[in-house]
Amino acid sequence: MALRASLVALAALAALAASAEEECASPQDGGADERYIIAWPCDPGECHIYFGQQRKAFPTNFNLARATNRTLVLAPFPWYENQAQQYTNAFKKTASGARPYFTCFSDLFDLSVFNRPLPDGSRLRIIELHKFAEREMAAGRRALGIELAIVSKGIPGRATLDGRTDPETDASTVVVPYPCAEPLEGIALNLSAHGSGELWGLPREQVEVREMRCGYAMLARAWKQAASRPAQFGEMLESPGLFGGKRLVALLGTGHQPHSHAHDAAMQQVSQQLAYAAPLLREAERFIGERLPPPGQR
């Protein structure tokens, strides 16, 4: 099983490059008053965590959308040529490490799971980022107009090493702020005067982030304080100081480090039921068939 999973991942990356120019599918469409959230385990301007780590964040990010009653904008998966050939800090300084590629969510996964009701009868509402961008531009809006982006990097236990605030001193705040890193990196660098301006492959002229903050997303603590009840968790996130009143928000760095987890059984189940897309499985089977000898010759 481990070998097959590894080959599936390898086949995925090969298939993704070929499909980068294809249109991403999305099964759902929102109304004019719909609110949206982008939740992802890393900064899209500097995402060097691997495919498996990105997938492990799904339960938290699904939970954020459900709790806030927002449509989850499914960002494409970032990946890099020659990834995992060097330690991350060294790889980031190479030409390959500075050039991410992006693959549509539906190129990897079968989105039909989102049409199934949750145990309480509700459904997770989703749309892929590029379909969202197309719809926004068709309505005369900027493709990606994020009113608030919160970037959560680092591990709280290391606060004394980098001069950041100790999150334990402010247990009433979901996101404990700290100054964004200098020199600029990731999304902050991309959006600066010296950066590329692009996010998830969208060019500068199509992107606007009206406010960006850096801070520890203490979601595990907030989920516990809400007694693992989505409605109470959502109220904390939708407070006026965070997401309240904003149409499109982004919370980046969620579901990766333990402090940024907010799991529950229903969202774990959705994540487990999220099957690989049929074309990807066919490509994986072809790849395995070509690389492995017949069973009798192994």
Protein backbone atom coordinates (compact mmCIF):
# COMPACT_ATOMS: atom_id res chain seq x y z
CA MET A 1 0.00 0.00 0.00
CA ALA A 2 2.85 2.38 0.81
CA LEU A 3 4.42 1.80 -2.59
CA ARG A 4 1.11 2.32 -4.36
CA ALA A 5 0.45 5.54 -2.44
CA SER A 6 3.90 6.82 -3.35
CA LEU A 7 3.37 6.01 -6.99
CA VAL A 8 -0.03 7.69 -6.94
CA ALA A 9 1.64 10.85 -5.64
CA LEU A 10 4.37 10.67 -8.27
CA ALA A 11 1.85 10.11 -11.02
CA ALA A 12 -0.14 13.04 -9.67
CA LEU A 13 2.72 15.47 -10.11
CA ALA A 14 3.36 14.27 -13.64
CA ALA A 15 -0.31 14.59 -14.54
CA LEU A 16 -0.64 17.99 -12.89
CA ALA A 17 1.93 19.71 -15.07
CA ALA A 18 0.09 18.50 -18.16
CA SER A 19 -3.25 19.73 -16.85
CA ALA A 20 -2.13 23.15 -15.61
CA GLU A 21 -3.72 24.93 -18.56
CA GLU A 22 -7.02 23.05 -18.29
CA GLU A 23 -10.11 24.50 -16.69
CA CYS A 24 -10.83 23.45 -13.12
CA ALA A 25 -14.23 22.00 -12.41
CA SER A 26 -16.45 23.11 -9.53
CA PRO A 27 -19.87 21.69 -8.72
CA GLN A 28 -21.41 24.54 -6.76
CA ASP A 29 -22.31 28.17 -7.31
CA GLY A 30 -23.03 30.84 -4.71
CA GLY A 31 -25.40 33.78 -4.59
CA ALA A 32 -24.62 37.49 -4.46
CA ASP A 33 -24.60 37.51 -0.63
CA GLU A 34 -22.38 34.45 -0.27
CA ARG A 35 -19.30 34.76 1.94
CA TYR A 36 -16.08 32.86 1.28
CA ILE A 37 -12.98 31.59 3.04
CA ILE A 38 -9.65 30.34 1.73
CA ALA A 39 -8.08 28.05 4.32
CA TRP A 40 -4.76 26.40 3.52
CA PRO A 41 -1.90 24.95 5.59
CA CYS A 42 0.81 27.19 4.16
CA ASP A 43 1.62 30.58 2.68
CA PRO A 44 0.94 30.40 -1.08
CA GLY A 45 3.99 32.56 -1.76
CA GLU A 46 6.27 30.10 0.04
CA CYS A 47 4.65 26.68 0.44
CA HIS A 48 7.29 23.99 0.74
CA ILE A 49 5.34 21.44 2.76
CA TYR A 50 4.62 18.23 0.92
CA PHE A 51 1.44 16.86 -0.62
CA GLY A 52 0.67 14.57 2.35
CA GLN A 53 0.98 17.45 4.82
CA GLN A 54 -1.34 19.58 2.73
CA ARG A 55 -3.92 16.78 2.72
CA LYS A 56 -3.70 16.32 6.50
CA ALA A 57 -5.00 19.88 6.90
CA PHE A 58 -8.31 19.10 5.19
CA PRO A 59 -10.35 18.34 8.36
CA THR A 60 -9.37 21.66 9.95
CA ASN A 61 -10.03 23.67 6.80
CA PHE A 62 -13.38 21.97 6.18
CA ASN A 63 -14.28 22.71 9.81
CA LEU A 64 -13.43 26.40 9.39
CA ALA A 65 -15.80 26.68 6.43
CA ARG A 66 -18.61 24.84 8.21
CA ALA A 67 -18.23 26.79 11.47
CA THR A 68 -18.23 30.19 9.75
CA ASN A 69 -20.99 29.19 7.30
CA ARG A 70 -18.77 30.25 4.42
CA THR A 71 -18.11 28.68 1.03
CA LEU A 72 -14.67 27.13 1.03
CA VAL A 73 -12.56 28.33 -1.90
CA LEU A 74 -10.39 25.34 -2.73
CA ALA A 75 -6.93 26.63 -3.56
CA PRO A 76 -4.79 24.66 -6.00
CA PHE A 77 -2.01 22.47 -4.68
CA PRO A 78 1.49 24.01 -4.87
CA TRP A 79 4.46 21.84 -5.78
CA TYR A 80 8.00 22.29 -7.05
CA GLU A 81 10.28 20.58 -9.52
CA ASN A 82 13.05 18.61 -7.80
CA GLN A 83 11.29 18.93 -4.43
CA ALA A 84 12.59 16.71 -1.59
CA GLN A 85 16.09 16.47 -3.10
CA GLN A 86 17.51 18.88 -0.50
CA TYR A 87 16.66 20.18 2.96
CA THR A 88 13.90 22.78 2.71
CA ASN A 89 15.92 25.87 3.66
CA ALA A 90 18.57 25.03 1.08
CA PHE A 91 16.00 24.11 -1.55
CA LYS A 92 14.18 27.43 -1.17
CA LYS A 93 17.32 29.22 -2.35
CA THR A 94 17.49 27.28 -5.63
CA ALA A 95 15.81 28.23 -8.91
CA SER A 96 13.37 25.30 -8.58
CA GLY A 97 12.56 26.21 -4.99
CA ALA A 98 11.53 29.73 -6.00
CA ARG A 99 9.15 28.62 -8.78
CA PRO A 100 5.94 26.94 -7.58
CA TYR A 101 3.51 25.13 -9.85
CA PHE A 102 -0.17 24.84 -9.05
CA THR A 103 -2.67 22.05 -9.73
CA CYS A 104 -6.45 22.20 -9.53
CA PHE A 105 -8.02 20.44 -6.58
CA SER A 106 -10.31 18.46 -8.90
CA ASP A 107 -7.34 17.14 -10.87
CA LEU A 108 -6.43 15.25 -7.71
CA PHE A 109 -9.74 14.54 -6.00
CA ASP A 110 -13.32 13.58 -6.82
CA LEU A 111 -15.40 16.51 -5.58
CA SER A 112 -18.68 14.53 -5.46
CA VAL A 113 -18.14 13.90 -1.74
CA PHE A 114 -19.15 17.51 -1.12
CA ASN A 115 -22.63 16.78 -2.48
CA ARG A 116 -23.32 14.39 0.39
CA PRO A 117 -25.02 15.76 3.51
CA LEU A 118 -23.19 16.01 6.80
CA PRO A 119 -24.64 14.21 9.85
CA ASP A 120 -26.64 17.33 10.76
CA GLY A 121 -28.13 17.50 7.24
CA SER A 122 -26.06 20.47 6.07
CA ARG A 123 -23.47 20.42 3.28
CA LEU A 124 -20.05 21.92 2.85
CA ARG A 125 -20.18 24.53 0.11
CA ILE A 126 -17.11 24.63 -2.09
CA ILE A 127 -15.78 26.27 -5.23
CA GLU A 128 -12.33 25.96 -6.78
CA LEU A 129 -10.23 29.10 -6.75
CA HIS A 130 -9.92 29.47 -10.50
CA LYS A 131 -13.67 29.05 -11.01
CA PHE A 132 -14.22 31.63 -8.29
CA ALA A 133 -11.81 34.00 -10.08
CA GLU A 134 -13.61 33.52 -13.39
CA ARG A 135 -16.96 34.28 -11.79
CA GLU A 136 -15.65 37.37 -10.02
CA MET A 137 -14.23 38.80 -13.24
CA ALA A 138 -17.45 38.03 -15.11
CA ALA A 139 -19.24 40.13 -12.46
CA GLY A 140 -16.83 43.03 -13.02
CA ARG A 141 -14.81 42.44 -9.84
CA ARG A 142 -11.14 41.71 -9.31
CA ALA A 143 -10.44 37.98 -9.65
CA LEU A 144 -9.19 37.67 -6.08
CA GLY A 145 -10.17 40.47 -3.74
CA ILE A 146 -9.25 39.25 -0.26
CA GLU A 147 -10.44 41.64 2.42
CA LEU A 148 -8.33 40.06 5.17
CA ALA A 149 -5.49 37.55 4.88
CA ILE A 150 -4.00 36.11 8.07
CA VAL A 151 -0.70 34.28 7.74
CA SER A 152 0.20 31.93 10.59
CA LYS A 153 3.81 30.72 10.53
CA GLY A 154 6.03 29.23 13.18
CA ILE A 155 5.57 27.27 16.37
CA PRO A 156 4.34 29.08 19.51
CA GLY A 157 6.76 27.24 21.80
CA ARG A 158 9.63 29.00 20.03
CA ALA A 159 8.31 32.49 20.81
CA THR A 160 11.30 33.37 22.98
CA LEU A 161 13.65 32.53 20.12
CA ASP A 162 12.22 34.98 17.60
CA GLY A 163 10.88 37.71 19.86
CA ARG A 164 7.24 36.97 19.09
CA THR A 165 4.42 37.24 21.60
CA ASP A 166 3.83 34.15 23.72
CA PRO A 167 0.29 33.02 22.75
CA GLU A 168 -0.30 31.60 26.22
CA THR A 169 -0.36 35.14 27.62
CA ASP A 170 -3.51 35.94 25.62
CA ALA A 171 -5.88 32.99 25.86
CA SER A 172 -8.90 35.06 24.77
CA THR A 173 -7.68 35.67 21.21
CA VAL A 174 -8.07 33.21 18.33
CA VAL A 175 -5.21 34.79 16.37
CA VAL A 176 -2.35 36.09 18.53
CA PRO A 177 -0.62 38.75 16.37
CA TYR A 178 3.08 39.18 15.81
CA PRO A 179 5.03 41.42 13.38
CA CYS A 180 5.38 40.02 9.88
CA ALA A 181 8.90 38.77 9.15
CA GLU A 182 11.66 41.05 7.90
CA PRO A 183 13.00 40.72 5.29
CA LEU A 184 9.69 40.07 3.61
CA GLU A 185 8.94 36.56 2.39
CA GLY A 186 6.11 34.57 0.88
CA ILE A 187 2.79 36.35 0.33
CA ALA A 188 4.12 39.56 1.93
CA LEU A 189 7.02 39.67 -0.51
CA ASN A 190 4.80 38.82 -3.48
CA LEU A 191 2.49 41.72 -2.70
CA SER A 192 5.27 44.23 -2.03
CA ALA A 193 6.63 46.68 -4.59
CA HIS A 194 9.54 44.31 -5.24
CA GLY A 195 7.48 41.13 -5.49
CA SER A 196 5.82 39.28 -8.35
CA GLY A 197 2.32 40.23 -7.20
CA GLU A 198 0.94 36.83 -8.09
CA LEU A 199 -1.00 34.49 -5.84
CA TRP A 200 -1.80 30.90 -6.81
CA GLY A 201 -0.74 31.72 -10.35
CA LEU A 202 -3.05 34.75 -10.68
CA PRO A 203 -1.16 37.85 -11.90
CA ARG A 204 -0.77 41.07 -9.92
CA GLU A 205 -3.49 42.98 -11.74
CA GLN A 206 -6.06 40.35 -10.73
CA VAL A 207 -5.08 40.20 -7.04
CA GLU A 208 -5.84 42.49 -4.13
CA VAL A 209 -5.26 41.83 -0.43
CA ARG A 210 -6.72 44.81 1.41
CA GLU A 211 -5.33 43.85 4.82
CA MET A 212 -2.74 41.31 5.84
CA ARG A 213 -1.83 40.24 9.36
CA CYS A 214 0.66 37.79 10.79
CA GLY A 215 -0.09 35.82 13.93
CA TYR A 216 -0.44 32.42 15.54
CA ALA A 217 -3.78 30.85 14.58
CA MET A 218 -4.55 29.19 17.92
CA LEU A 219 -7.35 27.08 16.50
CA ALA A 220 -6.86 24.02 18.71
CA ARG A 221 -7.32 26.20 21.79
CA ALA A 222 -10.31 28.05 20.33
CA TRP A 223 -11.97 24.78 19.27
CA LYS A 224 -11.54 23.48 22.83
CA GLN A 225 -12.90 26.71 24.31
CA ALA A 226 -15.92 26.33 22.02
CA ALA A 227 -16.43 22.84 23.49
CA SER A 228 -15.96 21.44 19.96
CA ARG A 229 -19.25 23.01 18.88
CA PRO A 230 -19.10 24.49 15.34
CA ALA A 231 -21.57 27.32 16.03
CA GLN A 232 -19.58 28.66 19.00
CA PHE A 233 -16.32 28.21 17.11
CA GLY A 234 -17.78 30.15 14.19
CA GLU A 235 -18.87 33.00 16.44
CA MET A 236 -15.29 33.40 17.65
CA LEU A 237 -13.97 33.52 14.09
CA GLU A 238 -16.71 35.83 12.84
CA SER A 239 -16.08 38.45 15.53
CA PRO A 240 -15.73 42.06 14.28
CA GLY A 241 -11.98 41.95 14.85
CA LEU A 242 -11.55 38.93 12.59
CA PHE A 243 -13.81 37.82 9.76
CA GLY A 244 -17.05 39.60 10.68
CA GLY A 245 -18.59 41.54 7.79
CA LYS A 246 -15.94 40.54 5.27
CA ARG A 247 -16.87 38.82 2.00
CA LEU A 248 -13.64 36.92 1.25
CA VAL A 249 -11.08 36.07 3.91
CA ALA A 250 -7.99 33.87 3.91
CA LEU A 251 -6.47 32.00 6.83
CA LEU A 252 -3.12 30.57 5.76
CA GLY A 253 -1.08 28.17 7.87
CA THR A 254 -4.02 26.20 9.27
CA GLY A 255 -4.07 22.48 9.98
CA HIS A 256 -0.29 22.04 9.73
CA GLN A 257 1.22 22.69 13.16
CA PRO A 258 -0.67 21.17 16.15
CA HIS A 259 -1.79 24.55 17.54
CA SER A 260 -3.57 25.27 14.22
CA HIS A 261 -5.67 22.06 14.20
CA ALA A 262 -9.44 22.07 14.76
CA HIS A 263 -10.61 18.52 14.06
CA ASP A 264 -13.91 16.80 14.67
CA ALA A 265 -15.30 13.42 13.63
CA ALA A 266 -17.59 14.70 10.85
CA MET A 267 -14.83 16.62 9.07
CA GLN A 268 -12.41 13.73 9.51
CA GLN A 269 -14.98 11.52 7.81
CA VAL A 270 -15.37 13.90 4.86
CA SER A 271 -11.62 13.98 4.45
CA GLN A 272 -11.39 10.19 4.53
CA GLN A 273 -14.16 9.88 1.94
CA LEU A 274 -12.41 12.27 -0.44
CA ALA A 275 -11.33 9.85 -3.17
CA TYR A 276 -8.69 10.43 -5.80
CA ALA A 277 -10.02 11.62 -9.16
CA ALA A 278 -10.67 8.83 -11.66
CA PRO A 279 -8.24 10.14 -14.33
CA LEU A 280 -5.49 10.31 -11.72
CA LEU A 281 -6.14 6.73 -10.60
CA ARG A 282 -6.02 5.53 -14.19
CA GLU A 283 -2.72 7.32 -14.69
CA ALA A 284 -1.38 5.79 -11.46
CA GLU A 285 -2.41 2.28 -12.53
CA ARG A 286 -0.75 2.80 -15.92
CA PHE A 287 2.39 4.10 -14.23
CA ILE A 288 2.51 1.15 -11.82
CA GLY A 289 1.88 -1.32 -14.62
CA GLU A 290 4.80 0.04 -16.61
CA ARG A 291 7.23 0.21 -13.69
CA LEU A 292 6.50 -3.08 -11.86
CA PRO A 293 7.00 -6.55 -13.34
CA PRO A 294 4.04 -8.98 -13.45
CA PRO A 295 3.28 -10.62 -10.06
CA GLY A 296 4.89 -13.93 -11.05
CA GLN A 297 8.19 -12.21 -11.88
CA ARG A 298 8.62 -10.15 -8.71
